[in-house]
N, C-alpha and C. Protein backbone atom coordinates (compact mmCIF):
# COMPACT_ATOMS: atom_id res chain seq x y z
N MET A 1 12.71 10.82 -13.37
CA MET A 1 13.01 9.58 -12.65
C MET A 1 11.35 9.22 -12.98
N ASN A 2 11.84 7.69 -13.02
CA ASN A 2 10.28 7.05 -13.23
C ASN A 2 9.69 6.64 -11.89
N ARG A 3 8.52 6.47 -11.67
CA ARG A 3 7.83 5.75 -10.71
C ARG A 3 8.77 4.41 -9.76
N MET A 4 9.18 3.44 -10.66
CA MET A 4 9.60 2.18 -10.18
C MET A 4 11.10 2.40 -9.58
N SER A 5 11.81 3.56 -9.94
CA SER A 5 12.73 4.12 -9.51
C SER A 5 12.67 4.84 -7.92
N GLU A 6 11.51 5.11 -8.09
CA GLU A 6 11.03 5.71 -6.85
C GLU A 6 10.69 5.15 -5.45
N ARG A 7 10.38 3.80 -5.65
CA ARG A 7 9.71 2.63 -4.76
C ARG A 7 10.92 2.40 -3.86
N PRO A 8 12.20 2.34 -4.06
CA PRO A 8 13.35 2.01 -3.16
C PRO A 8 13.49 2.89 -2.02
N CYS A 9 13.20 4.29 -2.64
CA CYS A 9 13.10 5.30 -1.78
C CYS A 9 12.11 5.40 -0.64
N PHE A 10 11.04 5.02 -1.23
CA PHE A 10 10.11 5.02 -0.01
C PHE A 10 10.25 3.66 0.96
N ALA A 11 11.07 2.73 0.24
CA ALA A 11 11.20 1.51 1.16
C ALA A 11 12.52 1.95 2.13
N ALA A 12 13.42 2.61 1.83
CA ALA A 12 14.58 2.87 2.51
C ALA A 12 13.66 4.18 3.50
N MET A 13 12.92 4.80 2.94
CA MET A 13 12.50 5.66 4.22
C MET A 13 11.69 5.29 5.37
N ILE A 14 10.60 3.88 5.12
CA ILE A 14 10.24 3.40 6.14
C ILE A 14 10.90 2.69 6.77
N HIS A 15 12.05 2.16 6.23
CA HIS A 15 13.22 1.40 7.14
C HIS A 15 13.93 2.52 7.83
N ARG A 16 13.93 3.76 7.32
CA ARG A 16 14.89 4.83 8.52
C ARG A 16 13.99 5.29 9.12
N TYR A 17 12.78 5.42 9.38
CA TYR A 17 11.40 5.82 9.90
C TYR A 17 11.40 4.71 11.23
N PHE A 18 11.48 3.80 11.08
CA PHE A 18 11.33 2.57 11.91
C PHE A 18 12.64 2.09 12.55
N ASP A 19 13.64 2.92 12.33
CA ASP A 19 14.85 2.72 13.12
C ASP A 19 14.90 2.82 14.47
N LEU A 20 15.31 1.96 15.22
CA LEU A 20 15.16 1.95 16.95
C LEU A 20 15.98 3.02 17.65
N LYS A 21 16.61 3.53 16.85
CA LYS A 21 17.33 4.95 17.37
C LYS A 21 16.66 6.41 17.33
N THR A 22 15.52 6.27 16.31
CA THR A 22 15.03 7.65 16.20
C THR A 22 14.19 8.00 17.33
N THR A 23 13.68 9.12 17.47
CA THR A 23 12.98 9.50 18.54
C THR A 23 11.43 9.24 18.91
N ALA A 24 11.10 9.07 17.41
CA ALA A 24 9.70 8.70 17.06
C ALA A 24 9.33 7.24 17.60
N VAL A 25 10.46 6.51 17.16
CA VAL A 25 10.47 5.09 17.44
C VAL A 25 10.53 4.68 18.82
N LYS A 26 11.45 5.51 19.69
CA LYS A 26 11.86 5.38 20.82
C LYS A 26 10.71 5.88 21.98
N SER A 27 9.80 7.13 21.64
CA SER A 27 8.50 7.63 22.18
C SER A 27 7.38 6.14 22.09
N PHE A 28 7.45 5.83 20.96
CA PHE A 28 6.15 4.61 20.54
C PHE A 28 6.77 3.56 21.64
N LEU A 29 7.64 2.89 21.31
CA LEU A 29 8.15 1.90 22.09
C LEU A 29 7.84 2.25 23.68
N HIS A 30 8.37 3.46 24.16
CA HIS A 30 8.32 3.47 25.52
C HIS A 30 6.69 3.68 26.30
N GLN A 31 5.88 4.26 25.33
CA GLN A 31 4.40 4.44 25.47
C GLN A 31 3.80 2.78 25.45
N ALA A 32 4.24 2.15 24.31
CA ALA A 32 3.65 0.84 24.16
C ALA A 32 4.30 -0.05 25.33
N GLN A 33 5.36 -0.14 25.48
CA GLN A 33 6.00 -0.80 26.84
C GLN A 33 5.24 -0.52 27.95
N SER A 34 5.09 0.80 28.33
CA SER A 34 4.49 1.35 29.57
C SER A 34 3.07 0.67 29.42
N GLY A 35 2.43 0.65 28.60
CA GLY A 35 1.01 0.33 28.37
C GLY A 35 0.81 -1.40 28.58
N PHE A 36 1.68 -2.07 27.94
CA PHE A 36 1.76 -3.51 28.10
C PHE A 36 2.14 -3.73 29.45
N LEU A 37 3.12 -3.21 30.12
CA LEU A 37 3.57 -3.65 31.33
C LEU A 37 2.48 -3.35 32.38
N LYS A 38 1.58 -2.31 32.20
CA LYS A 38 0.38 -2.48 33.09
C LYS A 38 -0.53 -3.55 33.01
N LEU A 39 -0.62 -3.87 31.41
CA LEU A 39 -1.30 -5.22 31.50
C LEU A 39 -0.75 -6.80 31.86
N THR A 40 0.49 -6.98 31.42
CA THR A 40 0.99 -7.86 32.05
C THR A 40 1.72 -8.00 33.10
N GLY A 41 2.49 -6.99 33.81
CA GLY A 41 3.33 -6.79 34.81
C GLY A 41 4.67 -7.34 34.72
N ASP A 42 5.07 -8.02 33.10
CA ASP A 42 6.49 -8.33 32.93
C ASP A 42 7.06 -7.76 31.92
N PRO A 43 8.13 -7.18 32.39
CA PRO A 43 8.70 -6.04 31.76
C PRO A 43 9.49 -6.34 30.24
N VAL A 44 10.03 -7.65 30.25
CA VAL A 44 10.38 -8.49 29.10
C VAL A 44 9.24 -8.71 28.14
N ALA A 45 8.16 -9.31 28.65
CA ALA A 45 6.97 -9.75 27.75
C ALA A 45 6.46 -8.03 27.23
N ALA A 46 6.41 -7.11 28.04
CA ALA A 46 5.81 -5.81 27.52
C ALA A 46 7.11 -5.04 26.71
N ARG A 47 8.33 -5.32 26.45
CA ARG A 47 9.33 -4.94 25.32
C ARG A 47 8.88 -5.88 24.28
N ARG A 48 8.67 -7.08 24.45
CA ARG A 48 8.56 -7.99 23.25
C ARG A 48 7.02 -7.58 22.67
N MET A 49 6.33 -7.02 23.41
CA MET A 49 4.99 -6.97 22.78
C MET A 49 4.86 -5.70 21.94
N ALA A 50 5.75 -4.47 22.36
CA ALA A 50 5.73 -3.41 21.94
C ALA A 50 6.67 -3.45 20.70
N LEU A 51 7.48 -4.28 20.66
CA LEU A 51 8.37 -4.55 19.53
C LEU A 51 7.37 -5.27 18.48
N GLN A 52 6.42 -6.06 18.82
CA GLN A 52 5.71 -6.69 17.63
C GLN A 52 4.55 -5.85 17.46
N ALA A 53 4.19 -4.83 18.28
CA ALA A 53 3.43 -3.55 17.72
C ALA A 53 4.07 -2.80 16.77
N LEU A 54 5.19 -2.70 17.02
CA LEU A 54 6.28 -1.73 15.92
C LEU A 54 6.07 -2.25 14.78
N ALA A 55 6.45 -4.08 14.81
CA ALA A 55 6.75 -4.77 13.46
C ALA A 55 5.16 -4.61 12.68
N HIS A 56 4.24 -4.83 13.64
CA HIS A 56 2.81 -4.75 12.81
C HIS A 56 2.45 -3.43 12.53
N LEU A 57 2.96 -2.30 12.92
CA LEU A 57 2.69 -0.98 12.32
C LEU A 57 3.47 -0.90 11.00
N ARG A 58 4.56 -1.32 11.13
CA ARG A 58 5.23 -1.39 10.00
C ARG A 58 4.87 -2.22 8.57
N GLU A 59 4.59 -3.29 9.26
CA GLU A 59 3.89 -4.37 8.18
C GLU A 59 2.29 -3.55 7.38
N GLN A 60 1.74 -2.61 8.17
CA GLN A 60 0.73 -1.98 7.77
C GLN A 60 0.95 -1.15 6.58
N GLN A 61 2.16 -0.45 7.36
CA GLN A 61 2.77 0.73 6.39
C GLN A 61 3.01 0.20 4.84
N SER A 62 3.87 -0.82 5.08
CA SER A 62 4.41 -1.42 3.93
C SER A 62 3.11 -2.14 3.10
N SER A 63 2.07 -2.65 3.50
CA SER A 63 1.17 -3.17 2.48
C SER A 63 0.43 -2.12 1.96
N ALA A 64 0.16 -0.93 2.57
CA ALA A 64 -0.47 0.32 2.34
C ALA A 64 0.34 0.59 0.99
N LEU A 65 1.58 0.77 1.03
CA LEU A 65 2.61 1.24 -0.04
C LEU A 65 2.18 0.46 -1.21
N ALA A 66 2.14 -0.96 -0.85
CA ALA A 66 1.84 -2.02 -2.23
C ALA A 66 0.52 -1.92 -2.71
N TYR A 67 -0.59 -1.31 -1.54
CA TYR A 67 -1.93 -1.43 -2.49
C TYR A 67 -1.96 0.15 -3.18
N PHE A 68 -1.16 0.93 -2.56
CA PHE A 68 -1.10 2.05 -3.51
C PHE A 68 -0.62 1.96 -4.85
N ASP A 69 0.32 1.02 -4.94
CA ASP A 69 0.97 1.02 -6.38
C ASP A 69 0.33 0.05 -7.30
N SER A 70 -0.85 -0.76 -6.71
CA SER A 70 -1.30 -1.67 -7.49
C SER A 70 -2.65 -0.78 -7.65
N PHE A 71 -3.08 -0.13 -6.77
CA PHE A 71 -4.16 1.33 -7.47
C PHE A 71 -3.50 2.00 -8.58
N PHE A 72 -2.65 2.46 -8.39
CA PHE A 72 -2.05 3.39 -9.55
C PHE A 72 -2.00 2.65 -10.64
N VAL A 73 -1.46 1.41 -10.83
CA VAL A 73 -1.40 0.43 -11.99
C VAL A 73 -2.90 0.22 -12.62
N PHE A 74 -3.67 0.09 -11.66
CA PHE A 74 -5.01 -0.20 -12.47
C PHE A 74 -5.73 1.35 -12.80
N ALA A 75 -5.55 2.13 -12.04
CA ALA A 75 -5.66 3.41 -12.39
C ALA A 75 -5.42 3.85 -14.04
N VAL A 76 -4.26 3.83 -14.20
CA VAL A 76 -3.79 4.16 -15.58
C VAL A 76 -4.23 3.17 -16.53
N LEU A 77 -4.31 1.65 -16.23
CA LEU A 77 -5.15 0.62 -17.13
C LEU A 77 -6.33 1.37 -17.40
N GLY A 78 -7.15 1.63 -16.18
CA GLY A 78 -8.55 2.16 -16.72
C GLY A 78 -8.48 3.43 -17.62
N VAL A 79 -7.75 4.10 -17.26
CA VAL A 79 -7.62 5.41 -18.11
C VAL A 79 -7.19 5.04 -19.72
N VAL A 80 -6.34 4.43 -19.65
CA VAL A 80 -5.84 3.73 -21.26
C VAL A 80 -6.86 2.86 -21.56
N LEU A 81 -7.85 2.35 -20.94
CA LEU A 81 -8.71 1.41 -21.96
C LEU A 81 -10.12 2.41 -21.91
N ALA A 82 -10.29 3.52 -21.24
CA ALA A 82 -11.24 4.24 -21.50
C ALA A 82 -10.88 5.19 -22.88
N PHE A 83 -9.85 5.69 -22.89
CA PHE A 83 -9.37 6.42 -24.35
C PHE A 83 -9.36 5.22 -25.59
N ALA A 84 -9.21 4.02 -25.24
CA ALA A 84 -9.31 2.87 -26.42
C ALA A 84 -10.52 2.77 -26.51
N VAL A 85 -11.59 2.75 -25.50
CA VAL A 85 -13.11 2.50 -26.31
C VAL A 85 -13.62 3.94 -26.81
N LEU A 86 -13.25 5.08 -26.35
CA LEU A 86 -13.57 6.22 -26.90
C LEU A 86 -12.97 6.27 -28.47
N ARG A 87 -11.93 5.93 -28.92
CA ARG A 87 -11.31 6.02 -30.26
C ARG A 87 -11.76 4.61 -30.98
N MET A 88 -12.56 3.77 -30.52
CA MET A 88 -12.98 2.80 -31.46
C MET A 88 -14.10 3.34 -32.41
N LYS A 89 -14.19 2.43 -33.67
CA LYS A 89 -15.35 2.95 -34.26
C LYS A 89 -16.72 2.14 -34.00
N ARG A 90 -17.57 2.64 -34.28
CA ARG A 90 -18.83 2.20 -34.20
C ARG A 90 -19.00 1.11 -35.05
N SER A 91 -19.56 -0.04 -35.09
CA SER A 91 -19.78 -1.04 -35.95
C SER A 91 -21.50 -1.11 -36.42
N VAL A 92 -21.45 -0.65 -37.75
CA VAL A 92 -22.49 -0.03 -38.20
C VAL A 92 -22.86 -1.31 -39.18
N ALA A 93 -24.19 -1.76 -39.05
CA ALA A 93 -24.51 -2.84 -40.60
C ALA A 93 -25.32 -2.18 -41.28
N ALA A 94 -25.09 -2.91 -42.49
CA ALA A 94 -25.41 -2.34 -43.90
C ALA A 94 -26.88 -2.45 -44.03
N LYS A 95 -27.51 -1.29 -44.70
CA LYS A 95 -28.99 -1.01 -44.42
C LYS A 95 -29.86 -2.48 -44.94
N GLY A 96 -30.87 -2.75 -44.07
CA GLY A 96 -31.38 -4.08 -44.53
C GLY A 96 -30.97 -5.52 -44.38
N ALA A 97 -29.60 -5.31 -44.00
CA ALA A 97 -29.05 -6.45 -43.63
C ALA A 97 -29.68 -7.00 -42.21
N HIS A 98 -29.43 -8.23 -42.01
CA HIS A 98 -30.08 -8.80 -40.46
C HIS A 98 -28.67 -8.49 -39.63
N ALA A 99 -29.10 -8.19 -38.43
CA ALA A 99 -28.08 -8.07 -37.23
C ALA A 99 -27.48 -9.34 -36.71
N THR A 100 -28.56 -10.22 -36.76
CA THR A 100 -27.77 -11.98 -36.43
C THR A 100 -28.30 -12.62 -37.26
N ALA A 101 -27.18 -13.69 -37.17
CA ALA A 101 -27.70 -15.16 -38.13
C ALA A 101 -28.82 -15.76 -37.49
N GLU A 102 -29.54 -16.27 -38.96
CA GLU A 102 -30.45 -17.06 -38.70
C GLU A 102 -30.35 -18.64 -38.80
């Protein structure tokens, strides 16, 4: 299984984790909603703000996965370029020849 075929698995895992029926999400929403309810006094606005906080958390984790992918690609590219530089032959001028044109 290659790296690109694993990506939909991570996306499905994020969507599964942020499903409104899971206990972790219910707990997060309850805690956030009670905190926002203390701030606003409006239960509808508190629920909406809790859902927005959950959406923001989901967006952060999705962005982190995207950054991890780009860092992985650049790391592989760096390793490949490092090996390419090490395999290059040195350019040596002939004895007595000028290194620069006059």
